[in-house]
Each structure stands twice: as structure tokens, then as C-alpha cells.
C-alpha atoms as a PDB file:
ATOM      1  CA  UNK A   1      69.474 133.310  97.750  1.00  0.00           C
ATOM      2  CA  UNK A   2      67.732 131.089  95.244  1.00  0.00           C
ATOM      3  CA  UNK A   3      69.981 130.073  92.353  1.00  0.00           C
ATOM      4  CA  UNK A   4      66.919 130.301  90.109  1.00  0.00           C
ATOM      5  CA  UNK A   5      66.886 134.060  90.600  1.00  0.00           C
ATOM      6  CA  UNK A   6      70.577 134.268  89.718  1.00  0.00           C
ATOM      7  CA  UNK A   7      70.129 132.115  86.606  1.00  0.00           C
ATOM      8  CA  UNK A   8      67.213 134.256  85.427  1.00  0.00           C
ATOM      9  CA  UNK A   9      69.199 137.436  86.121  1.00  0.00           C
ATOM     10  CA  UNK A  10      72.042 136.144  83.925  1.00  0.00           C
ATOM     11  CA  UNK A  11      69.650 135.529  81.027  1.00  0.00           C
ATOM     12  CA  UNK A  12      68.184 139.025  81.333  1.00  0.00           C
ATOM     13  CA  UNK A  13      71.711 140.480  81.505  1.00  0.00           C
ATOM     14  CA  UNK A  14      72.652 138.607  78.328  1.00  0.00           C
ATOM     15  CA  UNK A  15      69.528 139.637  76.409  1.00  0.00           C
ATOM     16  CA  UNK A  16      69.081 143.139  77.869  1.00  0.00           C
ATOM     17  CA  UNK A  17      65.485 142.775  76.759  1.00  0.00           C
ATOM     18  CA  UNK A  18      62.853 141.533  79.174  1.00  0.00           C
ATOM     19  CA  UNK A  19      60.535 140.071  76.547  1.00  0.00           C
ATOM     20  CA  UNK A  20      63.281 138.081  74.777  1.00  0.00           C
ATOM     21  CA  UNK A  21      64.629 136.890  78.117  1.00  0.00           C
ATOM     22  CA  UNK A  22      61.173 135.721  79.186  1.00  0.00           C
ATOM     23  CA  UNK A  23      60.749 133.792  75.937  1.00  0.00           C
ATOM     24  CA  UNK A  24      64.158 132.191  76.387  1.00  0.00           C
ATOM     25  CA  UNK A  25      63.212 131.181  79.924  1.00  0.00           C
ATOM     26  CA  UNK A  26      59.744 130.036  78.799  1.00  0.00           C
ATOM     27  CA  UNK A  27      57.989 132.178  81.364  1.00  0.00           C
ATOM     28  CA  UNK A  28      55.688 135.199  81.449  1.00  0.00           C
ATOM     29  CA  UNK A  29      57.357 138.587  81.208  1.00  0.00           C
ATOM     30  CA  UNK A  30      55.597 140.066  84.289  1.00  0.00           C
ATOM     31  CA  UNK A  31      56.739 137.124  86.401  1.00  0.00           C
ATOM     32  CA  UNK A  32      60.329 137.571  85.212  1.00  0.00           C
ATOM     33  CA  UNK A  33      60.206 141.317  85.907  1.00  0.00           C
ATOM     34  CA  UNK A  34      58.961 140.575  89.405  1.00  0.00           C
ATOM     35  CA  UNK A  35      61.809 138.103  90.000  1.00  0.00           C
ATOM     36  CA  UNK A  36      64.392 140.692  88.982  1.00  0.00           C
ATOM     37  CA  UNK A  37      62.741 143.208  91.320  1.00  0.00           C
ATOM     38  CA  UNK A  38      62.804 140.623  94.118  1.00  0.00           C
ATOM     39  CA  UNK A  39      66.505 139.995  93.500  1.00  0.00           C
ATOM     40  CA  UNK A  40      67.282 143.719  93.581  1.00  0.00           C
ATOM     41  CA  UNK A  41      65.339 144.090  96.821  1.00  0.00           C
ATOM     42  CA  UNK A  42      67.255 141.232  98.433  1.00  0.00           C
ATOM     43  CA  UNK A  43      70.597 142.648  97.317  1.00  0.00           C
ATOM     44  CA  UNK A  44      69.667 146.200  98.166  1.00  0.00           C
ATOM     45  CA  UNK A  45      71.033 147.453  94.834  1.00  0.00           C
ATOM     46  CA  UNK A  46      69.729 148.355  91.392  1.00  0.00           C
ATOM     47  CA  UNK A  47      70.974 145.846  88.841  1.00  0.00           C
ATOM     48  CA  UNK A  48      69.428 147.342  85.686  1.00  0.00           C
ATOM     49  CA  UNK A  49      68.913 150.857  84.422  1.00  0.00           C
ATOM     50  CA  UNK A  50      65.584 151.295  82.656  1.00  0.00           C
ATOM     51  CA  UNK A  51      66.143 154.794  81.265  1.00  0.00           C
ATOM     52  CA  UNK A  52      64.684 155.647  77.850  1.00  0.00           C
ATOM     53  CA  UNK A  53      62.860 152.278  77.760  1.00  0.00           C
ATOM     54  CA  UNK A  54      66.240 150.578  77.297  1.00  0.00           C
ATOM     55  CA  UNK A  55      67.561 147.926  79.683  1.00  0.00           C
ATOM     56  CA  UNK A  56      71.230 148.269  80.622  1.00  0.00           C
ATOM     57  CA  UNK A  57      73.338 146.910  83.438  1.00  0.00           C
ATOM     58  CA  UNK A  58      74.343 149.268  86.217  1.00  0.00           C
ATOM     59  CA  UNK A  59      77.926 149.031  87.546  1.00  0.00           C
ATOM     60  CA  UNK A  60      76.515 147.006  90.437  1.00  0.00           C
ATOM     61  CA  UNK A  61      74.779 144.750  87.925  1.00  0.00           C
ATOM     62  CA  UNK A  62      77.976 144.215  85.964  1.00  0.00           C
ATOM     63  CA  UNK A  63      79.840 143.289  89.145  1.00  0.00           C
ATOM     64  CA  UNK A  64      77.075 140.931  90.206  1.00  0.00           C
ATOM     65  CA  UNK A  65      76.906 139.324  86.747  1.00  0.00           C
ATOM     66  CA  UNK A  66      80.588 138.361  86.835  1.00  0.00           C
ATOM     67  CA  UNK A  67      80.386 136.633  90.205  1.00  0.00           C
ATOM     68  CA  UNK A  68      76.924 135.181  89.508  1.00  0.00           C
ATOM     69  CA  UNK A  69      78.284 133.364  86.475  1.00  0.00           C
ATOM     70  CA  UNK A  70      81.121 131.948  88.582  1.00  0.00           C
ATOM     71  CA  UNK A  71      78.682 130.891  91.312  1.00  0.00           C
ATOM     72  CA  UNK A  72      76.369 129.158  88.841  1.00  0.00           C
ATOM     73  CA  UNK A  73      79.295 127.443  87.113  1.00  0.00           C
ATOM     74  CA  UNK A  74      80.675 126.196  90.426  1.00  0.00           C
ATOM     75  CA  UNK A  75      77.236 124.993  91.496  1.00  0.00           C
ATOM     76  CA  UNK A  76      76.709 123.137  88.234  1.00  0.00           C
ATOM     77  CA  UNK A  77      80.188 121.645  88.512  1.00  0.00           C
ATOM     78  CA  UNK A  78      79.543 120.566  92.093  1.00  0.00           C
ATOM     79  CA  UNK A  79      76.341 118.814  91.013  1.00  0.00           C
ATOM     80  CA  UNK A  80      78.153 117.129  88.112  1.00  0.00           C
ATOM     81  CA  UNK A  81      81.045 116.087  90.344  1.00  0.00           C
ATOM     82  CA  UNK A  82      78.688 114.622  92.913  1.00  0.00           C
ATOM     83  CA  UNK A  83      76.761 112.651  90.308  1.00  0.00           C
ATOM     84  CA  UNK A  84      79.876 111.391  88.516  1.00  0.00           C
ATOM     85  CA  UNK A  85      81.481 110.411  91.801  1.00  0.00           C
ATOM     86  CA  UNK A  86      78.359 108.554  92.879  1.00  0.00           C
ATOM     87  CA  UNK A  87      78.456 106.657  89.579  1.00  0.00           C
ATOM     88  CA  UNK A  88      82.187 105.987  89.904  1.00  0.00           C
ATOM     89  CA  UNK A  89      82.939 108.026  86.775  1.00  0.00           C
ATOM     90  CA  UNK A  90      85.438 110.220  88.601  1.00  0.00           C
ATOM     91  CA  UNK A  91      87.412 110.045  91.807  1.00  0.00           C
ATOM     92  CA  UNK A  92      90.657 108.511  92.990  1.00  0.00           C
ATOM     93  CA  UNK A  93      91.573 104.839  92.887  1.00  0.00           C
ATOM     94  CA  UNK A  94      94.085 104.097  95.640  1.00  0.00           C
ATOM     95  CA  UNK A  95      95.887 101.042  94.306  1.00  0.00           C
ATOM     96  CA  UNK A  96      98.788  99.165  95.820  1.00  0.00           C
ATOM     97  CA  UNK A  97     100.759  96.328  94.289  1.00  0.00           C
ATOM     98  CA  UNK A  98     103.922  94.357  94.726  1.00  0.00           C
ATOM     99  CA  UNK A  99     106.641  95.446  92.327  1.00  0.00           C
ATOM    100  CA  UNK A 100     106.392  92.253  90.304  1.00  0.00           C
ATOM    101  CA  UNK A 101     102.721  92.923  89.470  1.00  0.00           C
ATOM    102  CA  UNK A 102     103.615  96.011  87.452  1.00  0.00           C
ATOM    103  CA  UNK A 103     105.269  93.943  84.740  1.00  0.00           C
ATOM    104  CA  UNK A 104     102.430  91.463  84.274  1.00  0.00           C
ATOM    105  CA  UNK A 105     100.364  92.553  81.281  1.00  0.00           C
ATOM    106  CA  UNK A 106      96.974  92.193  82.989  1.00  0.00           C
ATOM    107  CA  UNK A 107      97.326  95.127  85.380  1.00  0.00           C
ATOM    108  CA  UNK A 108      98.471  97.752  82.823  1.00  0.00           C
ATOM    109  CA  UNK A 109      95.784  96.545  80.407  1.00  0.00           C
ATOM    110  CA  UNK A 110      93.031  96.896  83.026  1.00  0.00           C
ATOM    111  CA  UNK A 111      94.219 100.346  84.074  1.00  0.00           C
ATOM    112  CA  UNK A 112      94.453 101.466  80.451  1.00  0.00           C
ATOM    113  CA  UNK A 113      90.854 100.378  79.815  1.00  0.00           C
ATOM    114  CA  UNK A 114      89.702 102.107  83.011  1.00  0.00           C
ATOM    115  CA  UNK A 115      91.355 105.350  81.868  1.00  0.00           C
ATOM    116  CA  UNK A 116      89.912 105.077  78.366  1.00  0.00           C
ATOM    117  CA  UNK A 117      86.359 104.615  79.653  1.00  0.00           C
ATOM    118  CA  UNK A 118      86.506 107.091  82.542  1.00  0.00           C
ATOM    119  CA  UNK A 119      89.337 109.605  82.003  1.00  0.00           C
ATOM    120  CA  UNK A 120      88.214 111.645  85.025  1.00  0.00           C
ATOM    121  CA  UNK A 121      89.339 108.830  87.334  1.00  0.00           C
ATOM    122  CA  UNK A 122      92.805 109.446  88.739  1.00  0.00           C
ATOM    123  CA  UNK A 123      95.176 106.813  90.044  1.00  0.00           C
ATOM    124  CA  UNK A 124      97.132 106.959  93.284  1.00  0.00           C
ATOM    125  CA  UNK A 125      99.545 104.060  93.177  1.00  0.00           C
ATOM    126  CA  UNK A 126     102.067 102.672  95.634  1.00  0.00           C
ATOM    127  CA  UNK A 127     104.282  99.614  95.670  1.00  0.00           C
ATOM    128  CA  UNK A 128     105.470  97.684  98.685  1.00  0.00           C
ATOM    129  CA  UNK A 129     105.838  94.246 100.146  1.00  0.00           C
ATOM    130  CA  UNK A 130     102.940  91.968 100.945  1.00  0.00           C
ATOM    131  CA  UNK A 131     102.578  93.045 104.570  1.00  0.00           C
ATOM    132  CA  UNK A 132     102.753  96.770 103.802  1.00  0.00           C
ATOM    133  CA  UNK A 133     100.021  96.503 101.172  1.00  0.00           C
ATOM    134  CA  UNK A 134      97.889  94.222 103.309  1.00  0.00           C
ATOM    135  CA  UNK A 135      98.066  96.761 106.144  1.00  0.00           C
ATOM    136  CA  UNK A 136      97.262  99.577 103.702  1.00  0.00           C
ATOM    137  CA  UNK A 137      93.990  97.923 102.743  1.00  0.00           C
ATOM    138  CA  UNK A 138      93.125  97.221 106.373  1.00  0.00           C
ATOM    139  CA  UNK A 139      93.668 100.869 107.340  1.00  0.00           C
ATOM    140  CA  UNK A 140      91.734 102.151 104.277  1.00  0.00           C
ATOM    141  CA  UNK A 141      94.850 103.858 102.931  1.00  0.00           C
ATOM    142  CA  UNK A 142      94.380 101.632  99.885  1.00  0.00           C
ATOM    143  CA  UNK A 143      91.151 100.659  98.133  1.00  0.00           C
ATOM    144  CA  UNK A 144      92.726  97.533  96.720  1.00  0.00           C
ATOM    145  CA  UNK A 145      96.070  95.747  96.637  1.00  0.00           C
ATOM    146  CA  UNK A 146      97.512  93.190  94.262  1.00  0.00           C
ATOM    147  CA  UNK A 147      99.903  90.976  96.175  1.00  0.00           C
ATOM    148  CA  UNK A 148     101.683  87.732  95.526  1.00  0.00           C
ATOM    149  CA  UNK A 149     100.716  84.518  97.304  1.00  0.00           C
ATOM    150  CA  UNK A 150     101.050  83.051  99.799  1.00  0.00           C
ATOM    151  CA  UNK A 151      99.019  85.588 101.766  1.00  0.00           C
ATOM    152  CA  UNK A 152      98.608  86.261 105.451  1.00  0.00           C
ATOM    153  CA  UNK A 153      95.382  85.120 107.080  1.00  0.00           C
ATOM    154  CA  UNK A 154      92.722  87.642 106.092  1.00  0.00           C
ATOM    155  CA  UNK A 155      90.330  89.106 108.682  1.00  0.00           C
ATOM    156  CA  UNK A 156      86.598  88.739 108.118  1.00  0.00           C
ATOM    157  CA  UNK A 157      86.203  92.222 106.652  1.00  0.00           C
ATOM    158  CA  UNK A 158      88.674  91.583 103.816  1.00  0.00           C
ATOM    159  CA  UNK A 159      88.364  89.369 100.770  1.00  0.00           C
ATOM    160  CA  UNK A 160      90.791  87.996  98.220  1.00  0.00           C
ATOM    161  CA  UNK A 161      90.208  87.184  94.563  1.00  0.00           C
ATOM    162  CA  UNK A 162      92.524  85.474  92.091  1.00  0.00           C
ATOM    163  CA  UNK A 163      94.135  88.047  89.803  1.00  0.00           C
ATOM    164  CA  UNK A 164      96.472  86.052  87.565  1.00  0.00           C
ATOM    165  CA  UNK A 165      99.094  83.326  87.628  1.00  0.00           C
ATOM    166  CA  UNK A 166     102.424  83.052  85.861  1.00  0.00           C
ATOM    167  CA  UNK A 167     105.294  80.656  85.695  1.00  0.00           C
ATOM    168  CA  UNK A 168     108.681  81.455  87.205  1.00  0.00           C
ATOM    169  CA  UNK A 169     112.101  81.497  85.555  1.00  0.00           C
ATOM    170  CA  UNK A 170     115.723  81.705  86.625  1.00  0.00           C
ATOM    171  CA  UNK A 171     117.672  84.944  86.199  1.00  0.00           C
ATOM    172  CA  UNK A 172     121.416  84.372  85.674  1.00  0.00           C
ATOM    173  CA  UNK A 173     124.360  86.666  84.933  1.00  0.00           C
ATOM    174  CA  UNK A 174     125.189  86.406  81.237  1.00  0.00           C
ATOM    175  CA  UNK A 175     128.699  85.153  82.018  1.00  0.00           C
ATOM    176  CA  UNK A 176     127.353  82.248  84.114  1.00  0.00           C
ATOM    177  CA  UNK A 177     128.431  78.828  82.856  1.00  0.00           C
ATOM    178  CA  UNK A 178     124.768  77.757  82.549  1.00  0.00           C
ATOM    179  CA  UNK A 179     123.515  80.981  80.957  1.00  0.00           C
ATOM    180  CA  UNK A 180     123.351  79.366  77.527  1.00  0.00           C
ATOM    181  CA  UNK A 181     120.917  76.672  78.679  1.00  0.00           C
ATOM    182  CA  UNK A 182     117.370  76.676  77.359  1.00  0.00           C
ATOM    183  CA  UNK A 183     116.045  75.200  80.606  1.00  0.00           C
ATOM    184  CA  UNK A 184     117.443  74.017  83.951  1.00  0.00           C
ATOM    185  CA  UNK A 185     116.363  71.975  86.942  1.00  0.00           C
ATOM    186  CA  UNK A 186     116.636  73.508  90.381  1.00  0.00           C
ATOM    187  CA  UNK A 187     118.941  70.695  91.422  1.00  0.00           C
ATOM    188  CA  UNK A 188     121.410  71.783  88.731  1.00  0.00           C
ATOM    189  CA  UNK A 189     121.807  75.161  90.455  1.00  0.00           C
ATOM    190  CA  UNK A 190     121.546  73.994  94.058  1.00  0.00           C
ATOM    191  CA  UNK A 191     125.100  75.139  94.857  1.00  0.00           C
ATOM    192  CA  UNK A 192     124.547  78.655  93.539  1.00  0.00           C
ATOM    193  CA  UNK A 193     124.301  81.833  95.565  1.00  0.00           C
ATOM    194  CA  UNK A 194     120.748  83.161  95.530  1.00  0.00           C
ATOM    195  CA  UNK A 195     119.159  86.603  95.622  1.00  0.00           C
ATOM    196  CA  UNK A 196     115.578  86.806  96.895  1.00  0.00           C
ATOM    197  CA  UNK A 197     112.918  89.389  97.595  1.00  0.00           C
ATOM    198  CA  UNK A 198     112.627  90.506 101.201  1.00  0.00           C
ATOM    199  CA  UNK A 199     109.055  89.577 102.131  1.00  0.00           C
ATOM    200  CA  UNK A 200     107.546  89.029 105.588  1.00  0.00           C
ATOM    201  CA  UNK A 201     107.975  85.468 106.797  1.00  0.00           C
ATOM    202  CA  UNK A 202     105.600  83.037 105.174  1.00  0.00           C
ATOM    203  CA  UNK A 203     104.367  85.501 102.545  1.00  0.00           C
ATOM    204  CA  UNK A 204     104.908  86.555  98.971  1.00  0.00           C
ATOM    205  CA  UNK A 205     107.508  85.637  96.389  1.00  0.00           C
ATOM    206  CA  UNK A 206     110.173  84.893  98.991  1.00  0.00           C
ATOM    207  CA  UNK A 207     108.039  82.165 100.552  1.00  0.00           C
ATOM    208  CA  UNK A 208     107.174  80.861  97.092  1.00  0.00           C
ATOM    209  CA  UNK A 209     110.911  80.561  96.388  1.00  0.00           C
ATOM    210  CA  UNK A 210     111.569  78.591  99.576  1.00  0.00           C
ATOM    211  CA  UNK A 211     108.582  76.329  98.907  1.00  0.00           C
ATOM    212  CA  UNK A 212     109.875  75.624  95.380  1.00  0.00           C
ATOM    213  CA  UNK A 213     113.361  74.802  96.697  1.00  0.00           C
ATOM    214  CA  UNK A 214     111.869  72.541  99.369  1.00  0.00           C
ATOM    215  CA  UNK A 215     109.867  70.642  96.761  1.00  0.00           C
ATOM    216  CA  UNK A 216     113.076  70.189  94.739  1.00  0.00           C
ATOM    217  CA  UNK A 217     114.914  68.931  97.832  1.00  0.00           C
ATOM    218  CA  UNK A 218     117.509  71.692  97.921  1.00  0.00           C
ATOM    219  CA  UNK A 219     118.636  74.092 100.643  1.00  0.00           C
ATOM    220  CA  UNK A 220     119.322  77.446  98.928  1.00  0.00           C
ATOM    221  CA  UNK A 221     122.279  79.610  99.902  1.00  0.00           C
ATOM    222  CA  UNK A 222     120.671  83.058 100.034  1.00  0.00           C
ATOM    223  CA  UNK A 223     123.340  85.755 100.106  1.00  0.00           C
ATOM    224  CA  UNK A 224     121.322  88.874  99.296  1.00  0.00           C
ATOM    225  CA  UNK A 225     117.790  90.237  99.737  1.00  0.00           C
ATOM    226  CA  UNK A 226     116.156  93.096  97.881  1.00  0.00           C
ATOM    227  CA  UNK A 227     112.915  94.997  98.250  1.00  0.00           C
ATOM    228  CA  UNK A 228     111.750  94.866  94.626  1.00  0.00           C
ATOM    229  CA  UNK A 229     112.185  92.933  91.402  1.00  0.00           C
ATOM    230  CA  UNK A 230     114.249  95.567  89.507  1.00  0.00           C
ATOM    231  CA  UNK A 231     116.783  95.590  92.340  1.00  0.00           C
ATOM    232  CA  UNK A 232     116.976  91.800  92.310  1.00  0.00           C
ATOM    233  CA  UNK A 233     117.712  91.866  88.581  1.00  0.00           C
ATOM    234  CA  UNK A 234     120.341  94.576  89.054  1.00  0.00           C
ATOM    235  CA  UNK A 235     122.089  92.430  91.663  1.00  0.00           C
ATOM    236  CA  UNK A 236     122.009  89.472  89.289  1.00  0.00           C
ATOM    237  CA  UNK A 237     123.547  91.663  86.575  1.00  0.00           C
ATOM    238  CA  UNK A 238     126.272  92.663  89.044  1.00  0.00           C
ATOM    239  CA  UNK A 239     127.130  89.020  89.611  1.00  0.00           C
ATOM    240  CA  UNK A 240     125.988  88.673  93.236  1.00  0.00           C
ATOM    241  CA  UNK A 241     124.045  85.507  92.440  1.00  0.00           C
ATOM    242  CA  UNK A 242     121.036  84.083  90.633  1.00  0.00           C
ATOM    243  CA  UNK A 243     117.333  84.539  91.305  1.00  0.00           C
ATOM    244  CA  UNK A 244     113.929  82.942  90.775  1.00  0.00           C
ATOM    245  CA  UNK A 245     111.483  85.472  89.367  1.00  0.00           C
ATOM    246  CA  UNK A 246     108.053  85.636  87.701  1.00  0.00           C
ATOM    247  CA  UNK A 247     108.304  85.368  83.941  1.00  0.00           C
ATOM    248  CA  UNK A 248     106.895  88.898  83.601  1.00  0.00           C
ATOM    249  CA  UNK A 249     110.220  90.154  84.985  1.00  0.00           C
ATOM    250  CA  UNK A 250     111.613  89.588  81.490  1.00  0.00           C
ATOM    251  CA  UNK A 251     110.018  92.935  80.653  1.00  0.00           C
ATOM    252  CA  UNK A 252     112.849  94.597  82.583  1.00  0.00           C
ATOM    253  CA  UNK A 253     115.643  95.065  80.087  1.00  0.00           C
ATOM    254  CA  UNK A 254     118.955  94.915  81.928  1.00  0.00           C
ATOM    255  CA  UNK A 255     122.252  94.103  80.272  1.00  0.00           C
ATOM    256  CA  UNK A 256     124.199  91.095  81.470  1.00  0.00           C
ATOM    257  CA  UNK A 257     121.108  89.134  82.616  1.00  0.00           C
ATOM    258  CA  UNK A 258     119.604  86.094  80.896  1.00  0.00           C
ATOM    259  CA  UNK A 259     116.395  84.269  81.809  1.00  0.00           C
ATOM    260  CA  UNK A 260     116.215  80.490  81.706  1.00  0.00           C
ATOM    261  CA  UNK A 261     113.141  78.272  82.001  1.00  0.00           C
ATOM    262  CA  UNK A 262     112.799  75.853  84.925  1.00  0.00           C
ATOM    263  CA  UNK A 263     112.238  72.166  84.147  1.00  0.00           C
ATOM    264  CA  UNK A 264     110.794  71.290  87.565  1.00  0.00           C
ATOM    265  CA  UNK A 265     107.001  70.942  87.685  1.00  0.00           C
ATOM    266  CA  UNK A 266     106.348  73.972  89.877  1.00  0.00           C
ATOM    267  CA  UNK A 267     102.948  75.463  90.530  1.00  0.00           C
ATOM    268  CA  UNK A 268     102.597  78.887  88.980  1.00  0.00           C
ATOM    269  CA  UNK A 269     103.097  81.965  91.120  1.00  0.00           C
ATOM    270  CA  UNK A 270      99.769  83.611  91.995  1.00  0.00           C
ATOM    271  CA  UNK A 271      98.902  87.281  92.094  1.00  0.00           C
ATOM    272  CA  UNK A 272      95.890  87.953  94.285  1.00  0.00           C
ATOM    273  CA  UNK A 273      93.613  90.973  94.604  1.00  0.00           C
ATOM    274  CA  UNK A 274      92.771  91.986  98.175  1.00  0.00           C
ATOM    275  CA  UNK A 275      90.096  94.521  99.157  1.00  0.00           C
ATOM    276  CA  UNK A 276      87.346  95.021 101.692  1.00  0.00           C
ATOM    277  CA  UNK A 277      84.484  92.544 101.570  1.00  0.00           C
ATOM    278  CA  UNK A 278      82.024  95.444 101.319  1.00  0.00           C
ATOM    279  CA  UNK A 279      83.260  97.650  98.457  1.00  0.00           C
ATOM    280  CA  UNK A 280      82.225 101.259  99.048  1.00  0.00           C
ATOM    281  CA  UNK A 281      84.389 102.871  96.379  1.00  0.00           C
ATOM    282  CA  UNK A 282      82.408 103.239  93.156  1.00  0.00           C
ATOM    283  CA  UNK A 283      85.703 103.712  91.300  1.00  0.00           C
ATOM    284  CA  UNK A 284      86.945 100.354  92.564  1.00  0.00           C
ATOM    285  CA  UNK A 285      83.675  98.774  91.416  1.00  0.00           C
ATOM    286  CA  UNK A 286      84.467 100.048  87.922  1.00  0.00           C
ATOM    287  CA  UNK A 287      87.891  98.386  88.014  1.00  0.00           C
ATOM    288  CA  UNK A 288      86.440  95.140  89.380  1.00  0.00           C
ATOM    289  CA  UNK A 289      83.882  95.108  86.573  1.00  0.00           C
ATOM    290  CA  UNK A 290      86.682  95.454  84.011  1.00  0.00           C
ATOM    291  CA  UNK A 291      88.646  92.631  85.616  1.00  0.00           C
ATOM    292  CA  UNK A 292      85.559  90.406  85.642  1.00  0.00           C
ATOM    293  CA  UNK A 293      85.139  90.847  81.895  1.00  0.00           C
ATOM    294  CA  UNK A 294      88.738  90.608  80.686  1.00  0.00           C
END
């Protein structure tokens, strides 16, 4: 059934006057009357009573009007949804990130701007280690992942882009003898027990930590691993050891933990954005555009 017939029927049902309905639809009254007759013939029911030169809805017409309005609304909504999705103005952004990326100001700021501009976009977010997120992008479970370098070797269909960099600091229990220091060298804590993130070999913040220790000429005594930054900080607070963390970890307020700058000339820790080389998600294109201009 043509939706045009249903739309015109709704107008006639609202006006209950064929001439006014025709004017509202900007069409000739005989043509509108013929369309209503055609609709009644197709349905096999009488939609309007024309007794005493007055137009009223029959019970069948009232029933049809209710569902016709729903059908037209759903059709209009489907058209709007399709157009907004094609423009990236609505849809789901499947985003993955390492736990440490959540506390860097750039990611929340970008997501806030995305939500302000396109509130119909929803966010599906997961955290994990570098390998888990990398695999999520490969399998199309994720549109994009923000992971910490060093990265695994990327296949040809994936690309990486710099996201942000930040310096690293030491996290010490507040009762530690060096907790009052404004800055420390790695050699001054070479005998300490260390807590690190549990990343796949050669990847992420754990590899960054070992590279930094190697450059300082120390062999760290790692006594504990954790899967995310908040857990690392909790273990530091409990006195299990000290840790090397991105400076954004200071955003996690935990009692009994102090952060101390590192005097060694270390390269900054890098957060990297990984996605498919050919970006099909219009929602992701919106996020990438924001990142390119902030």
C-alpha cells in the first residue's frame, strides 16, 4: 500500500472535511476523493461515513487511523535514522582503551565534545590490555582502540595514529623513606620491589617500564603484576612495592600513595589510536575529525 494514500487519509481524518483537507494537501478535491475511494477499495472497508453531507470516521476508519499514524511515524523515523546513521549523527561507537588512557584528559574531552555535537551517538566502551584491544579491532568487535606503545606489528589492514604522550612518575607508599622527595632517579630506587602492569610480552606499559629500567642500567625486582592502573595503585597503597605510572594516574585519589617525578631523561609514554585503514564507521569518522582539530 502506498504511504501517500495513508498520509492523505490521515489529513482527511483530521479535517473531516474534504475541501479543507485538499487545500491542506495542495491538491484538487476530486483527486483526493478518488484516493480515499481507492484506499477503501484496497482495504475492503468503508473508512468514512458521508451521511447528511457530513464526513465522519466509521469504527473501521478509527481503527485504521490509529495504526496508520503509528505506521507513518515509524516510517518517518526509519528514514531519519537511516539518514542520520549515514551521516554519522547517530549509531554506536565501539571504543576500547587501556585503563591508563581513561585518566588522560584528551580522551574524556574528545568524547564529551562528540556527545555535545551528536547526542544520538551512543558509546560502547571496554578496557583491556594491549593484545586484547588489538585483537578486538582486528575482529571488528571494536571500531577503534587506544593502546599504549610499544605496539605489536600491525597487519596491512590496520593503521595507527599518535594519540597523546605523557611523562611517567613513580608511585610510592606514603610511609616510604623517599616519599617526601620532589624527584628521584631510577638508580635511587633500584633495590625496591616493583609492581607492574601485566601486558603481553614486548607491548604496552610493562615493556615501557622494562625499557626505562634498561636505559637506567638497573634490573628491577618485580614482585607483583596487575591488570589495570587502579589495581597497581591499590597495591602500592597496601605496601607491596612501588610502581612507574603515567602522570595521568595522579587523577586516581587513593590514600597512602604519593607520586614523585623521575629525574632520568626518559622518553614520554605514548598512547596510540589503532583502527582499520579503511574507516567504514561514520561515527568513528566524527570522532577522528574531533581529534584532528583538538
